[in-house]
Amino acid sequence: MKLNELRDNPGATKRKKRVGRGPGSGMGKTAGRGIKGQKSRSGVAIAGYEGGQMPLYQRLPKRGFNKPNRKKFAVVNLGLIQKFVDAKKIDAKNPITEDVLVDSGLVRRKLDGVRVLAKGEISAKLNLEVTGASKSAVEAVEKAGGSLTVTTAQAAE
């Protein structure tokens, strides 16, 4: 097989229907939209309209509440921190703050703070200072001989 012999499978591609190109095309003048009315005009989208029947999104039950001013934390797992320490991207001897995590590339942006979760193993003795942490993450860091301080009023959940 050569490059000039490459072909798509038969029926895999279909030519675009060019509407409004004269009466001979069978799709001329009104271009298959019928005559007059809202749907024959351009710029019309009646999405979700079900002909007067109660629309699906109104028939389904609504539940819960989304807090508009909720805090969004950047999440970091202990296993990833350990991986970055092993790769010498984070210095384990100095205190590890949120800024250190951002500079190392482990966290893209702080958002409302960084929250540490306990997924993965940790063996390095770390001194972490973050906005939030799970109880199991605090225990795992202290078990490895380090310390994890939560800096703001938000206690470990």
Protein backbone atom coordinates (compact mmCIF):
# COMPACT_ATOMS: atom_id res chain seq x y z
CA MET A 1 0.00 0.00 0.00
CA LYS A 2 1.26 3.46 -0.90
CA LEU A 3 0.28 6.89 0.40
CA ASN A 4 -1.57 7.71 -2.82
CA GLU A 5 -3.66 4.55 -2.42
CA LEU A 6 -5.07 5.49 1.01
CA ARG A 7 -8.86 5.75 0.95
CA ASP A 8 -11.57 5.99 3.57
CA ASN A 9 -13.90 3.01 3.92
CA PRO A 10 -16.84 3.13 1.51
CA GLY A 11 -19.71 5.03 3.15
CA ALA A 12 -17.50 6.49 5.88
CA THR A 13 -17.66 10.02 4.51
CA LYS A 14 -20.68 11.84 3.21
CA ARG A 15 -20.76 15.07 1.20
CA LYS A 16 -22.26 18.12 2.87
CA LYS A 17 -25.73 19.01 1.59
CA ARG A 18 -25.49 22.47 0.00
CA VAL A 19 -28.90 24.08 0.43
CA GLY A 20 -30.23 27.15 -1.38
CA ARG A 21 -28.32 26.46 -4.62
CA GLY A 22 -31.06 26.58 -7.24
CA PRO A 23 -34.14 24.53 -8.16
CA GLY A 24 -32.14 21.74 -9.84
CA SER A 25 -30.61 20.70 -6.52
CA GLY A 26 -33.99 19.89 -4.96
CA MET A 27 -32.95 22.05 -2.02
CA GLY A 28 -33.23 25.51 -3.58
CA LYS A 29 -35.15 28.67 -2.63
CA THR A 30 -36.51 27.86 0.85
CA ALA A 31 -33.77 25.26 1.41
CA GLY A 32 -36.07 22.64 2.90
CA ARG A 33 -37.38 24.93 5.64
CA GLY A 34 -40.93 25.25 4.32
CA ILE A 35 -42.62 28.60 3.90
CA LYS A 36 -42.77 31.46 6.44
CA GLY A 37 -42.99 31.06 10.18
CA GLN A 38 -40.47 31.30 12.98
CA LYS A 39 -38.57 28.15 12.08
CA SER A 40 -37.99 29.25 8.50
CA ARG A 41 -36.05 32.30 9.69
CA SER A 42 -32.41 32.34 10.61
CA GLY A 43 -31.18 32.62 14.18
CA VAL A 44 -34.00 30.57 15.71
CA ALA A 45 -33.42 27.93 18.35
CA ILE A 46 -36.47 26.55 20.09
CA ALA A 47 -34.48 24.03 22.12
CA GLY A 48 -36.39 22.45 24.97
CA TYR A 49 -39.77 23.46 23.56
CA GLU A 50 -42.13 20.49 23.40
CA GLY A 51 -45.13 21.90 21.61
CA GLY A 52 -46.94 23.17 24.69
CA GLN A 53 -46.38 19.96 26.66
CA MET A 54 -44.62 20.56 29.99
CA PRO A 55 -40.89 20.38 29.09
CA LEU A 56 -38.78 17.57 30.49
CA TYR A 57 -36.59 19.87 32.57
CA GLN A 58 -39.72 21.19 34.33
CA ARG A 59 -41.24 17.73 34.83
CA LEU A 60 -38.23 16.33 36.68
CA PRO A 61 -37.97 16.86 40.46
CA LYS A 62 -35.53 19.47 41.72
CA ARG A 63 -33.41 18.61 44.74
CA GLY A 64 -30.78 20.20 46.88
CA PHE A 65 -29.17 23.59 46.95
CA ASN A 66 -25.97 24.89 45.37
CA LYS A 67 -24.25 27.38 47.62
CA PRO A 68 -23.29 30.33 45.39
CA ASN A 69 -20.35 31.45 47.57
CA ARG A 70 -18.93 28.02 48.45
CA LYS A 71 -15.19 27.61 48.81
CA LYS A 72 -13.33 25.70 46.11
CA PHE A 73 -10.09 24.07 47.16
CA ALA A 74 -7.23 22.78 45.06
CA VAL A 75 -6.91 19.10 46.05
CA VAL A 76 -3.55 17.38 46.53
CA ASN A 77 -2.96 13.75 47.47
CA LEU A 78 -0.12 12.72 49.79
CA GLY A 79 1.16 10.20 47.24
CA LEU A 80 1.72 13.01 44.72
CA ILE A 81 3.59 15.14 47.27
CA GLN A 82 5.85 12.14 47.99
CA LYS A 83 6.43 11.66 44.24
CA PHE A 84 7.49 15.31 43.86
CA VAL A 85 9.80 15.04 46.90
CA ASP A 86 11.42 11.91 45.39
CA ALA A 87 11.86 13.76 42.07
CA LYS A 88 13.58 16.64 43.97
CA LYS A 89 10.93 19.13 42.79
CA ILE A 90 9.99 19.87 46.40
CA ASP A 91 12.58 20.29 49.18
CA ALA A 92 11.37 18.22 52.15
CA LYS A 93 13.68 19.99 54.61
CA ASN A 94 11.95 23.39 54.32
CA PRO A 95 8.32 23.97 55.33
CA ILE A 96 6.00 23.16 52.43
CA THR A 97 3.48 25.97 51.98
CA GLU A 98 0.81 26.43 49.33
CA ASP A 99 3.14 28.73 47.37
CA VAL A 100 5.82 26.01 47.30
CA LEU A 101 3.24 23.56 45.89
CA VAL A 102 2.27 26.05 43.16
CA ASP A 103 5.91 26.85 42.28
CA SER A 104 6.77 23.14 41.99
CA GLY A 105 3.91 22.67 39.52
CA LEU A 106 2.01 20.20 41.71
CA VAL A 107 -0.92 22.62 42.07
CA ARG A 108 -1.92 24.86 39.18
CA ARG A 109 -3.59 27.58 41.27
CA LYS A 110 -4.54 27.93 44.91
CA LEU A 111 -8.23 28.89 44.41
CA ASP A 112 -9.58 29.36 47.98
CA GLY A 113 -6.75 27.28 49.38
CA VAL A 114 -5.10 23.86 49.12
CA ARG A 115 -6.60 20.78 50.76
CA VAL A 116 -4.50 17.68 51.38
CA LEU A 117 -6.08 14.22 51.12
CA ALA A 118 -4.60 10.93 52.29
CA LYS A 119 -4.52 8.95 49.01
CA GLY A 120 -1.15 7.31 48.45
CA GLU A 121 1.81 6.50 50.69
CA ILE A 122 4.09 9.04 52.35
CA SER A 123 7.52 8.21 53.74
CA ALA A 124 9.31 11.58 53.81
CA LYS A 125 9.32 13.69 56.98
CA LEU A 126 7.36 16.75 55.82
CA ASN A 127 6.33 20.01 57.44
CA LEU A 128 3.14 21.00 55.57
CA GLU A 129 1.22 24.26 55.97
CA VAL A 130 -2.08 24.24 54.05
CA THR A 131 -5.64 25.58 54.25
CA GLY A 132 -7.30 22.22 54.79
CA ALA A 133 -6.58 18.55 55.33
CA SER A 134 -8.48 15.33 55.96
CA LYS A 135 -8.03 13.63 59.36
CA SER A 136 -6.44 10.59 57.73
CA ALA A 137 -3.95 12.85 55.89
CA VAL A 138 -2.92 14.51 59.18
CA GLU A 139 -2.46 11.08 60.78
CA ALA A 140 -0.44 9.77 57.82
CA VAL A 141 1.96 12.75 57.87
CA GLU A 142 2.45 12.55 61.65
CA LYS A 143 3.00 8.78 61.39
CA ALA A 144 5.81 9.49 58.89
CA GLY A 145 7.38 11.82 61.46
CA GLY A 146 6.28 15.14 59.96
CA SER A 147 3.71 17.75 60.85
CA LEU A 148 0.66 19.11 59.03
CA THR A 149 -0.69 22.49 60.16
CA VAL A 150 -4.00 23.84 58.93
CA THR A 151 -3.47 27.60 58.62
CA THR A 152 -6.99 29.08 58.54
CA ALA A 153 -9.94 28.73 60.88
CA GLN A 154 -11.21 25.72 58.93
CA ALA A 155 -10.38 22.74 61.13
CA ALA A 156 -9.51 19.30 59.79
CA GLU A 157 -12.69 17.60 58.64
